[in-house]
Amino acid sequence: VRLVLDLLCKRLTLSQAAQQAGVSPQAVANWRRQFITAG
């Protein structure tokens, strides 16, 4: 949630969020989609 909110508020790019979490940018994009869909 923290990473997705930072992403949505443009404090992080997709690549930066993925790097911080140690996952792929696709994983973070999926989290963003899931968050937007279901909070």
PDB file of all heavy atoms in Angstrom:
ATOM      1  N   VAL A   1       0.843  -1.202   0.000  1.00  0.00           N
ATOM      2  CA  VAL A   1       0.000   0.000   0.000  1.00  0.00           C
ATOM      3  C   VAL A   1       0.875   1.247   0.000  1.00  0.00           C
ATOM      4  O   VAL A   1       0.635   2.187  -0.767  1.00  0.00           O
ATOM      5  CB  VAL A   1      -0.955   0.003   1.218  1.00  0.00           C
ATOM      6  CG1 VAL A   1      -1.627   1.358   1.388  1.00  0.00           C
ATOM      7  CG2 VAL A   1      -1.998  -1.088   1.085  1.00  0.00           C
ATOM      8  N   ARG A   2       1.908   1.263   0.841  1.00  0.00           N
ATOM      9  CA  ARG A   2       2.800   2.419   0.906  1.00  0.00           C
ATOM     10  C   ARG A   2       3.442   2.689  -0.456  1.00  0.00           C
ATOM     11  O   ARG A   2       3.454   3.830  -0.941  1.00  0.00           O
ATOM     12  CB  ARG A   2       3.879   2.208   1.968  1.00  0.00           C
ATOM     13  CG  ARG A   2       4.768   3.452   2.175  1.00  0.00           C
ATOM     14  CD  ARG A   2       5.971   3.161   3.039  1.00  0.00           C
ATOM     15  NE  ARG A   2       6.916   2.229   2.421  1.00  0.00           N
ATOM     16  CZ  ARG A   2       7.777   2.537   1.465  1.00  0.00           C
ATOM     17  NH1 ARG A   2       7.795   3.754   0.953  1.00  0.00           N
ATOM     18  NH2 ARG A   2       8.607   1.637   0.983  1.00  0.00           N
ATOM     19  N   LEU A   3       3.947   1.625  -1.087  1.00  0.00           N
ATOM     20  CA  LEU A   3       4.597   1.782  -2.387  1.00  0.00           C
ATOM     21  C   LEU A   3       3.603   2.249  -3.457  1.00  0.00           C
ATOM     22  O   LEU A   3       3.917   3.129  -4.271  1.00  0.00           O
ATOM     23  CB  LEU A   3       5.259   0.474  -2.813  1.00  0.00           C
ATOM     24  CG  LEU A   3       6.521   0.094  -2.041  1.00  0.00           C
ATOM     25  CD1 LEU A   3       6.922  -1.347  -2.326  1.00  0.00           C
ATOM     26  CD2 LEU A   3       7.660   1.045  -2.384  1.00  0.00           C
ATOM     27  N   VAL A   4       2.407   1.670  -3.462  1.00  0.00           N
ATOM     28  CA  VAL A   4       1.403   2.055  -4.467  1.00  0.00           C
ATOM     29  C   VAL A   4       0.984   3.506  -4.257  1.00  0.00           C
ATOM     30  O   VAL A   4       0.852   4.265  -5.227  1.00  0.00           O
ATOM     31  CB  VAL A   4       0.186   1.100  -4.414  1.00  0.00           C
ATOM     32  CG1 VAL A   4      -0.978   1.658  -5.209  1.00  0.00           C
ATOM     33  CG2 VAL A   4       0.576  -0.274  -4.927  1.00  0.00           C
ATOM     34  N   LEU A   5       0.794   3.916  -2.998  1.00  0.00           N
ATOM     35  CA  LEU A   5       0.426   5.316  -2.749  1.00  0.00           C
ATOM     36  C   LEU A   5       1.544   6.263  -3.178  1.00  0.00           C
ATOM     37  O   LEU A   5       1.273   7.318  -3.772  1.00  0.00           O
ATOM     38  CB  LEU A   5       0.075   5.514  -1.274  1.00  0.00           C
ATOM     39  CG  LEU A   5      -1.231   4.867  -0.823  1.00  0.00           C
ATOM     40  CD1 LEU A   5      -1.423   5.026   0.680  1.00  0.00           C
ATOM     41  CD2 LEU A   5      -2.427   5.433  -1.579  1.00  0.00           C
ATOM     42  N   ASP A   6       2.791   5.884  -2.893  1.00  0.00           N
ATOM     43  CA  ASP A   6       3.915   6.703  -3.359  1.00  0.00           C
ATOM     44  C   ASP A   6       3.943   6.768  -4.881  1.00  0.00           C
ATOM     45  O   ASP A   6       4.243   7.810  -5.461  1.00  0.00           O
ATOM     46  CB  ASP A   6       5.245   6.149  -2.831  1.00  0.00           C
ATOM     47  CG  ASP A   6       5.485   6.479  -1.368  1.00  0.00           C
ATOM     48  OD1 ASP A   6       4.762   7.340  -0.813  1.00  0.00           O
ATOM     49  OD2 ASP A   6       6.393   5.866  -0.766  1.00  0.00           O
ATOM     50  N   LEU A   7       3.610   5.670  -5.516  1.00  0.00           N
ATOM     51  CA  LEU A   7       3.561   5.616  -6.975  1.00  0.00           C
ATOM     52  C   LEU A   7       2.440   6.517  -7.511  1.00  0.00           C
ATOM     53  O   LEU A   7       2.649   7.311  -8.431  1.00  0.00           O
ATOM     54  CB  LEU A   7       3.358   4.165  -7.427  1.00  0.00           C
ATOM     55  CG  LEU A   7       3.322   3.883  -8.913  1.00  0.00           C
ATOM     56  CD1 LEU A   7       4.658   4.233  -9.561  1.00  0.00           C
ATOM     57  CD2 LEU A   7       3.016   2.409  -9.140  1.00  0.00           C
ATOM     58  N   LEU A   8       1.257   6.406  -6.901  1.00  0.00           N
ATOM     59  CA  LEU A   8       0.116   7.203  -7.361  1.00  0.00           C
ATOM     60  C   LEU A   8       0.316   8.695  -7.113  1.00  0.00           C
ATOM     61  O   LEU A   8      -0.181   9.526  -7.872  1.00  0.00           O
ATOM     62  CB  LEU A   8      -1.171   6.715  -6.681  1.00  0.00           C
ATOM     63  CG  LEU A   8      -1.640   5.315  -7.088  1.00  0.00           C
ATOM     64  CD1 LEU A   8      -2.812   4.877  -6.232  1.00  0.00           C
ATOM     65  CD2 LEU A   8      -1.995   5.270  -8.564  1.00  0.00           C
ATOM     66  N   CYS A   9       1.031   9.024  -6.033  1.00  0.00           N
ATOM     67  CA  CYS A   9       1.312  10.436  -5.725  1.00  0.00           C
ATOM     68  C   CYS A   9       2.545  10.946  -6.463  1.00  0.00           C
ATOM     69  O   CYS A   9       2.977  12.086  -6.241  1.00  0.00           O
ATOM     70  CB  CYS A   9       1.507  10.611  -4.222  1.00  0.00           C
ATOM     71  SG  CYS A   9       0.010  10.330  -3.279  1.00  0.00           S
ATOM     72  N   LYS A  10       3.113  10.096  -7.315  1.00  0.00           N
ATOM     73  CA  LYS A  10       4.276  10.429  -8.146  1.00  0.00           C
ATOM     74  C   LYS A  10       5.521  10.752  -7.320  1.00  0.00           C
ATOM     75  O   LYS A  10       6.381  11.500  -7.736  1.00  0.00           O
ATOM     76  CB  LYS A  10       3.942  11.562  -9.109  1.00  0.00           C
ATOM     77  CG  LYS A  10       2.770  11.227 -10.007  1.00  0.00           C
ATOM     78  CD  LYS A  10       2.732  12.088 -11.223  1.00  0.00           C
ATOM     79  CE  LYS A  10       1.501  11.839 -12.045  1.00  0.00           C
ATOM     80  NZ  LYS A  10       1.430  10.588 -12.722  1.00  0.00           N
ATOM     81  N   ARG A  11       5.604  10.160  -6.097  1.00  0.00           N
ATOM     82  CA  ARG A  11       6.834  10.288  -5.310  1.00  0.00           C
ATOM     83  C   ARG A  11       7.858   9.250  -5.770  1.00  0.00           C
ATOM     84  O   ARG A  11       9.047   9.389  -5.496  1.00  0.00           O
ATOM     85  CB  ARG A  11       6.532  10.111  -3.819  1.00  0.00           C
ATOM     86  CG  ARG A  11       5.754  11.283  -3.232  1.00  0.00           C
ATOM     87  CD  ARG A  11       5.636  11.170  -1.728  1.00  0.00           C
ATOM     88  NE  ARG A  11       4.675  10.154  -1.353  1.00  0.00           N
ATOM     89  CZ  ARG A  11       3.484  10.402  -0.818  1.00  0.00           C
ATOM     90  NH1 ARG A  11       3.119  11.647  -0.579  1.00  0.00           N
ATOM     91  NH2 ARG A  11       2.662   9.424  -0.505  1.00  0.00           N
ATOM     92  N   LEU A  12       7.372   8.186  -6.430  1.00  0.00           N
ATOM     93  CA  LEU A  12       8.235   7.131  -6.964  1.00  0.00           C
ATOM     94  C   LEU A  12       7.781   6.800  -8.376  1.00  0.00           C
ATOM     95  O   LEU A  12       6.600   6.906  -8.704  1.00  0.00           O
ATOM     96  CB  LEU A  12       8.124   5.850  -6.127  1.00  0.00           C
ATOM     97  CG  LEU A  12       8.679   5.827  -4.717  1.00  0.00           C
ATOM     98  CD1 LEU A  12       8.346   4.494  -4.043  1.00  0.00           C
ATOM     99  CD2 LEU A  12      10.181   6.024  -4.728  1.00  0.00           C
ATOM    100  N   THR A  13       8.728   6.345  -9.184  1.00  0.00           N
ATOM    101  CA  THR A  13       8.373   5.793 -10.488  1.00  0.00           C
ATOM    102  C   THR A  13       8.105   4.298 -10.296  1.00  0.00           C
ATOM    103  O   THR A  13       8.424   3.733  -9.245  1.00  0.00           O
ATOM    104  CB  THR A  13       9.521   5.973 -11.499  1.00  0.00           C
ATOM    105  OG1 THR A  13      10.631   5.201 -11.054  1.00  0.00           O
ATOM    106  CG2 THR A  13       9.897   7.438 -11.660  1.00  0.00           C
ATOM    107  N   LEU A  14       7.569   3.688 -11.318  1.00  0.00           N
ATOM    108  CA  LEU A  14       7.307   2.249 -11.271  1.00  0.00           C
ATOM    109  C   LEU A  14       8.602   1.482 -11.024  1.00  0.00           C
ATOM    110  O   LEU A  14       8.649   0.575 -10.195  1.00  0.00           O
ATOM    111  CB  LEU A  14       6.644   1.816 -12.587  1.00  0.00           C
ATOM    112  CG  LEU A  14       6.016   0.445 -12.648  1.00  0.00           C
ATOM    113  CD1 LEU A  14       4.888   0.311 -11.633  1.00  0.00           C
ATOM    114  CD2 LEU A  14       5.497   0.169 -14.046  1.00  0.00           C
ATOM    115  N   SER A  15       9.648   1.871 -11.707  1.00  0.00           N
ATOM    116  CA  SER A  15      10.941   1.198 -11.551  1.00  0.00           C
ATOM    117  C   SER A  15      11.515   1.393 -10.149  1.00  0.00           C
ATOM    118  O   SER A  15      12.060   0.456  -9.555  1.00  0.00           O
ATOM    119  CB  SER A  15      11.947   1.719 -12.571  1.00  0.00           C
ATOM    120  OG  SER A  15      11.515   1.415 -13.874  1.00  0.00           O
ATOM    121  N   GLN A  16      11.387   2.599  -9.597  1.00  0.00           N
ATOM    122  CA  GLN A  16      11.893   2.856  -8.245  1.00  0.00           C
ATOM    123  C   GLN A  16      11.128   2.028  -7.201  1.00  0.00           C
ATOM    124  O   GLN A  16      11.736   1.461  -6.292  1.00  0.00           O
ATOM    125  CB  GLN A  16      11.787   4.343  -7.905  1.00  0.00           C
ATOM    126  CG  GLN A  16      12.743   5.224  -8.683  1.00  0.00           C
ATOM    127  CD  GLN A  16      12.421   6.700  -8.494  1.00  0.00           C
ATOM    128  OE1 GLN A  16      11.271   7.085  -8.290  1.00  0.00           O
ATOM    129  NE2 GLN A  16      13.461   7.533  -8.604  1.00  0.00           N
ATOM    130  N   ALA A  17       9.814   1.981  -7.332  1.00  0.00           N
ATOM    131  CA  ALA A  17       8.998   1.202  -6.400  1.00  0.00           C
ATOM    132  C   ALA A  17       9.376  -0.279  -6.479  1.00  0.00           C
ATOM    133  O   ALA A  17       9.506  -0.958  -5.452  1.00  0.00           O
ATOM    134  CB  ALA A  17       7.514   1.397  -6.683  1.00  0.00           C
ATOM    135  N   ALA A  18       9.553  -0.771  -7.692  1.00  0.00           N
ATOM    136  CA  ALA A  18       9.928  -2.171  -7.882  1.00  0.00           C
ATOM    137  C   ALA A  18      11.298  -2.446  -7.273  1.00  0.00           C
ATOM    138  O   ALA A  18      11.503  -3.475  -6.609  1.00  0.00           O
ATOM    139  CB  ALA A  18       9.926  -2.513  -9.365  1.00  0.00           C
ATOM    140  N   GLN A  19      12.222  -1.526  -7.471  1.00  0.00           N
ATOM    141  CA  GLN A  19      13.567  -1.712  -6.924  1.00  0.00           C
ATOM    142  C   GLN A  19      13.528  -1.715  -5.397  1.00  0.00           C
ATOM    143  O   GLN A  19      14.178  -2.547  -4.757  1.00  0.00           O
ATOM    144  CB  GLN A  19      14.484  -0.599  -7.433  1.00  0.00           C
ATOM    145  CG  GLN A  19      15.932  -0.800  -7.051  1.00  0.00           C
ATOM    146  CD  GLN A  19      16.821   0.272  -7.661  1.00  0.00           C
ATOM    147  OE1 GLN A  19      16.343   1.317  -8.107  1.00  0.00           O
ATOM    148  NE2 GLN A  19      18.111   0.005  -7.679  1.00  0.00           N
ATOM    149  N   GLN A  20      12.761  -0.814  -4.789  1.00  0.00           N
ATOM    150  CA  GLN A  20      12.653  -0.765  -3.324  1.00  0.00           C
ATOM    151  C   GLN A  20      12.083  -2.065  -2.763  1.00  0.00           C
ATOM    152  O   GLN A  20      12.500  -2.533  -1.712  1.00  0.00           O
ATOM    153  CB  GLN A  20      11.770   0.404  -2.876  1.00  0.00           C
ATOM    154  CG  GLN A  20      12.473   1.715  -2.863  1.00  0.00           C
ATOM    155  CD  GLN A  20      11.610   2.807  -2.238  1.00  0.00           C
ATOM    156  OE1 GLN A  20      10.653   2.538  -1.527  1.00  0.00           O
ATOM    157  NE2 GLN A  20      11.963   4.055  -2.529  1.00  0.00           N
ATOM    158  N   ALA A  21      11.110  -2.628  -3.467  1.00  0.00           N
ATOM    159  CA  ALA A  21      10.458  -3.853  -2.989  1.00  0.00           C
ATOM    160  C   ALA A  21      11.234  -5.108  -3.364  1.00  0.00           C
ATOM    161  O   ALA A  21      10.986  -6.180  -2.808  1.00  0.00           O
ATOM    162  CB  ALA A  21       9.041  -3.939  -3.556  1.00  0.00           C
ATOM    163  N   GLY A  22      12.135  -4.981  -4.317  1.00  0.00           N
ATOM    164  CA  GLY A  22      12.885  -6.154  -4.771  1.00  0.00           C
ATOM    165  C   GLY A  22      12.050  -7.060  -5.663  1.00  0.00           C
ATOM    166  O   GLY A  22      12.214  -8.279  -5.667  1.00  0.00           O
ATOM    167  N   VAL A  23      11.126  -6.442  -6.412  1.00  0.00           N
ATOM    168  CA  VAL A  23      10.253  -7.197  -7.318  1.00  0.00           C
ATOM    169  C   VAL A  23      10.318  -6.571  -8.698  1.00  0.00           C
ATOM    170  O   VAL A  23      10.944  -5.521  -8.893  1.00  0.00           O
ATOM    171  CB  VAL A  23       8.787  -7.214  -6.802  1.00  0.00           C
ATOM    172  CG1 VAL A  23       8.692  -7.912  -5.457  1.00  0.00           C
ATOM    173  CG2 VAL A  23       8.214  -5.810  -6.728  1.00  0.00           C
ATOM    174  N   SER A  24       9.630  -7.177  -9.631  1.00  0.00           N
ATOM    175  CA  SER A  24       9.611  -6.645 -10.997  1.00  0.00           C
ATOM    176  C   SER A  24       8.647  -5.459 -11.094  1.00  0.00           C
ATOM    177  O   SER A  24       7.698  -5.355 -10.315  1.00  0.00           O
ATOM    178  CB  SER A  24       9.167  -7.738 -11.970  1.00  0.00           C
ATOM    179  OG  SER A  24       7.796  -8.024 -11.770  1.00  0.00           O
ATOM    180  N   PRO A  25       8.892  -4.577 -12.063  1.00  0.00           N
ATOM    181  CA  PRO A  25       7.945  -3.482 -12.280  1.00  0.00           C
ATOM    182  C   PRO A  25       6.533  -4.002 -12.588  1.00  0.00           C
ATOM    183  O   PRO A  25       5.542  -3.373 -12.199  1.00  0.00           O
ATOM    184  CB  PRO A  25       8.527  -2.731 -13.486  1.00  0.00           C
ATOM    185  CG  PRO A  25       9.993  -3.015 -13.420  1.00  0.00           C
ATOM    186  CD  PRO A  25      10.088  -4.426 -12.893  1.00  0.00           C
ATOM    187  N   GLN A  26       6.433  -5.163 -13.239  1.00  0.00           N
ATOM    188  CA  GLN A  26       5.122  -5.749 -13.532  1.00  0.00           C
ATOM    189  C   GLN A  26       4.377  -6.087 -12.239  1.00  0.00           C
ATOM    190  O   GLN A  26       3.166  -5.896 -12.145  1.00  0.00           O
ATOM    191  CB  GLN A  26       5.264  -7.001 -14.403  1.00  0.00           C
ATOM    192  CG  GLN A  26       3.936  -7.634 -14.785  1.00  0.00           C
ATOM    193  CD  GLN A  26       3.041  -6.698 -15.569  1.00  0.00           C
ATOM    194  OE1 GLN A  26       3.481  -6.060 -16.523  1.00  0.00           O
ATOM    195  NE2 GLN A  26       1.785  -6.577 -15.167  1.00  0.00           N
ATOM    196  N   ALA A  27       5.099  -6.572 -11.232  1.00  0.00           N
ATOM    197  CA  ALA A  27       4.468  -6.892  -9.942  1.00  0.00           C
ATOM    198  C   ALA A  27       3.889  -5.633  -9.312  1.00  0.00           C
ATOM    199  O   ALA A  27       2.749  -5.632  -8.819  1.00  0.00           O
ATOM    200  CB  ALA A  27       5.469  -7.549  -8.995  1.00  0.00           C
ATOM    201  N   VAL A  28       4.635  -4.544  -9.350  1.00  0.00           N
ATOM    202  CA  VAL A  28       4.148  -3.274  -8.781  1.00  0.00           C
ATOM    203  C   VAL A  28       2.958  -2.761  -9.584  1.00  0.00           C
ATOM    204  O   VAL A  28       1.986  -2.246  -9.014  1.00  0.00           O
ATOM    205  CB  VAL A  28       5.283  -2.227  -8.713  1.00  0.00           C
ATOM    206  CG1 VAL A  28       4.766  -0.894  -8.193  1.00  0.00           C
ATOM    207  CG2 VAL A  28       6.413  -2.736  -7.823  1.00  0.00           C
ATOM    208  N   ALA A  29       3.012  -2.906 -10.897  1.00  0.00           N
ATOM    209  CA  ALA A  29       1.873  -2.495 -11.727  1.00  0.00           C
ATOM    210  C   ALA A  29       0.630  -3.313 -11.367  1.00  0.00           C
ATOM    211  O   ALA A  29      -0.481  -2.774 -11.328  1.00  0.00           O
ATOM    212  CB  ALA A  29       2.222  -2.660 -13.204  1.00  0.00           C
ATOM    213  N   ASN A  30       0.824  -4.601 -11.091  1.00  0.00           N
ATOM    214  CA  ASN A  30      -0.312  -5.436 -10.658  1.00  0.00           C
ATOM    215  C   ASN A  30      -0.863  -4.950  -9.318  1.00  0.00           C
ATOM    216  O   ASN A  30      -2.078  -4.905  -9.124  1.00  0.00           O
ATOM    217  CB  ASN A  30       0.108  -6.901 -10.542  1.00  0.00           C
ATOM    218  CG  ASN A  30       0.343  -7.549 -11.883  1.00  0.00           C
ATOM    219  OD1 ASN A  30      -0.147  -7.083 -12.907  1.00  0.00           O
ATOM    220  ND2 ASN A  30       1.113  -8.620 -11.893  1.00  0.00           N
ATOM    221  N   TRP A  31       0.032  -4.612  -8.379  1.00  0.00           N
ATOM    222  CA  TRP A  31      -0.420  -4.094  -7.079  1.00  0.00           C
ATOM    223  C   TRP A  31      -1.229  -2.822  -7.265  1.00  0.00           C
ATOM    224  O   TRP A  31      -2.250  -2.630  -6.621  1.00  0.00           O
ATOM    225  CB  TRP A  31       0.760  -3.795  -6.167  1.00  0.00           C
ATOM    226  CG  TRP A  31       1.618  -4.958  -5.813  1.00  0.00           C
ATOM    227  CD1 TRP A  31       1.326  -6.289  -5.969  1.00  0.00           C
ATOM    228  CD2 TRP A  31       2.924  -4.905  -5.256  1.00  0.00           C
ATOM    229  NE1 TRP A  31       2.371  -7.055  -5.528  1.00  0.00           N
ATOM    230  CE2 TRP A  31       3.368  -6.235  -5.081  1.00  0.00           C
ATOM    231  CE3 TRP A  31       3.769  -3.867  -4.874  1.00  0.00           C
ATOM    232  CZ2 TRP A  31       4.619  -6.542  -4.549  1.00  0.00           C
ATOM    233  CZ3 TRP A  31       5.008  -4.173  -4.344  1.00  0.00           C
ATOM    234  CH2 TRP A  31       5.419  -5.496  -4.181  1.00  0.00           C
ATOM    235  N   ARG A  32      -0.745  -1.937  -8.155  1.00  0.00           N
ATOM    236  CA  ARG A  32      -1.457  -0.681  -8.413  1.00  0.00           C
ATOM    237  C   ARG A  32      -2.861  -0.973  -8.938  1.00  0.00           C
ATOM    238  O   ARG A  32      -3.846  -0.403  -8.469  1.00  0.00           O
ATOM    239  CB  ARG A  32      -0.669   0.178  -9.414  1.00  0.00           C
ATOM    240  CG  ARG A  32      -1.361   1.481  -9.765  1.00  0.00           C
ATOM    241  CD  ARG A  32      -0.555   2.317 -10.723  1.00  0.00           C
ATOM    242  NE  ARG A  32      -0.200   1.553 -11.923  1.00  0.00           N
ATOM    243  CZ  ARG A  32       0.728   1.915 -12.801  1.00  0.00           C
ATOM    244  NH1 ARG A  32       1.408   3.037 -12.632  1.00  0.00           N
ATOM    245  NH2 ARG A  32       0.978   1.168 -13.845  1.00  0.00           N
ATOM    246  N   ARG A  33      -2.947  -1.885  -9.908  1.00  0.00           N
ATOM    247  CA  ARG A  33      -4.253  -2.258 -10.469  1.00  0.00           C
ATOM    248  C   ARG A  33      -5.154  -2.841  -9.386  1.00  0.00           C
ATOM    249  O   ARG A  33      -6.329  -2.476  -9.277  1.00  0.00           O
ATOM    250  CB  ARG A  33      -4.064  -3.256 -11.613  1.00  0.00           C
ATOM    251  CG  ARG A  33      -5.359  -3.732 -12.243  1.00  0.00           C
ATOM    252  CD  ARG A  33      -5.119  -4.803 -13.321  1.00  0.00           C
ATOM    253  NE  ARG A  33      -4.154  -5.833 -12.958  1.00  0.00           N
ATOM    254  CZ  ARG A  33      -4.412  -6.859 -12.129  1.00  0.00           C
ATOM    255  NH1 ARG A  33      -5.590  -6.970 -11.571  1.00  0.00           N
ATOM    256  NH2 ARG A  33      -3.487  -7.755 -11.866  1.00  0.00           N
ATOM    257  N   GLN A  34      -4.613  -3.747  -8.568  1.00  0.00           N
ATOM    258  CA  GLN A  34      -5.409  -4.363  -7.499  1.00  0.00           C
ATOM    259  C   GLN A  34      -5.869  -3.322  -6.482  1.00  0.00           C
ATOM    260  O   GLN A  34      -7.003  -3.376  -5.997  1.00  0.00           O
ATOM    261  CB  GLN A  34      -4.584  -5.448  -6.789  1.00  0.00           C
ATOM    262  CG  GLN A  34      -4.308  -6.650  -7.657  1.00  0.00           C
ATOM    263  CD  GLN A  34      -3.209  -7.551  -7.093  1.00  0.00           C
ATOM    264  OE1 GLN A  34      -2.449  -7.162  -6.219  1.00  0.00           O
ATOM    265  NE2 GLN A  34      -3.125  -8.759  -7.622  1.00  0.00           N
ATOM    266  N   PHE A  35      -5.003  -2.381  -6.164  1.00  0.00           N
ATOM    267  CA  PHE A  35      -5.345  -1.336  -5.201  1.00  0.00           C
ATOM    268  C   PHE A  35      -6.445  -0.439  -5.760  1.00  0.00           C
ATOM    269  O   PHE A  35      -7.398  -0.103  -5.056  1.00  0.00           O
ATOM    270  CB  PHE A  35      -4.108  -0.510  -4.843  1.00  0.00           C
ATOM    271  CG  PHE A  35      -4.378   0.559  -3.829  1.00  0.00           C
ATOM    272  CD1 PHE A  35      -4.440   0.252  -2.481  1.00  0.00           C
ATOM    273  CD2 PHE A  35      -4.568   1.877  -4.219  1.00  0.00           C
ATOM    274  CE1 PHE A  35      -4.688   1.233  -1.528  1.00  0.00           C
ATOM    275  CE2 PHE A  35      -4.820   2.864  -3.279  1.00  0.00           C
ATOM    276  CZ  PHE A  35      -4.879   2.540  -1.935  1.00  0.00           C
ATOM    277  N   ILE A  36      -6.311  -0.057  -7.007  1.00  0.00           N
ATOM    278  CA  ILE A  36      -7.324   0.809  -7.629  1.00  0.00           C
ATOM    279  C   ILE A  36      -8.662   0.083  -7.709  1.00  0.00           C
ATOM    280  O   ILE A  36      -9.716   0.674  -7.489  1.00  0.00           O
ATOM    281  CB  ILE A  36      -6.847   1.289  -9.019  1.00  0.00           C
ATOM    282  CG1 ILE A  36      -5.693   2.288  -8.835  1.00  0.00           C
ATOM    283  CG2 ILE A  36      -7.980   1.903  -9.818  1.00  0.00           C
ATOM    284  CD1 ILE A  36      -4.978   2.672 -10.112  1.00  0.00           C
ATOM    285  N   THR A  37      -8.634  -1.213  -7.975  1.00  0.00           N
ATOM    286  CA  THR A  37      -9.866  -2.000  -8.093  1.00  0.00           C
ATOM    287  C   THR A  37     -10.526  -2.268  -6.743  1.00  0.00           C
ATOM    288  O   THR A  37     -11.731  -2.125  -6.602  1.00  0.00           O
ATOM    289  CB  THR A  37      -9.575  -3.346  -8.795  1.00  0.00           C
ATOM    290  OG1 THR A  37      -9.007  -3.077 -10.058  1.00  0.00           O
ATOM    291  CG2 THR A  37     -10.832  -4.172  -8.956  1.00  0.00           C
ATOM    292  N   ALA A  38      -9.725  -2.649  -5.736  1.00  0.00           N
ATOM    293  CA  ALA A  38     -10.312  -3.119  -4.481  1.00  0.00           C
ATOM    294  C   ALA A  38      -9.754  -2.437  -3.233  1.00  0.00           C
ATOM    295  O   ALA A  38     -10.025  -2.888  -2.126  1.00  0.00           O
ATOM    296  CB  ALA A  38     -10.123  -4.628  -4.370  1.00  0.00           C
ATOM    297  N   GLY A  39      -8.979  -1.386  -3.383  1.00  0.00           N
ATOM    298  CA  GLY A  39      -8.434  -0.701  -2.215  1.00  0.00           C
ATOM    299  C   GLY A  39      -7.443  -1.578  -1.464  1.00  0.00           C
ATOM    300  O   GLY A  39      -6.814  -2.466  -2.028  1.00  0.00           O
TER     301      GLY A  39
END
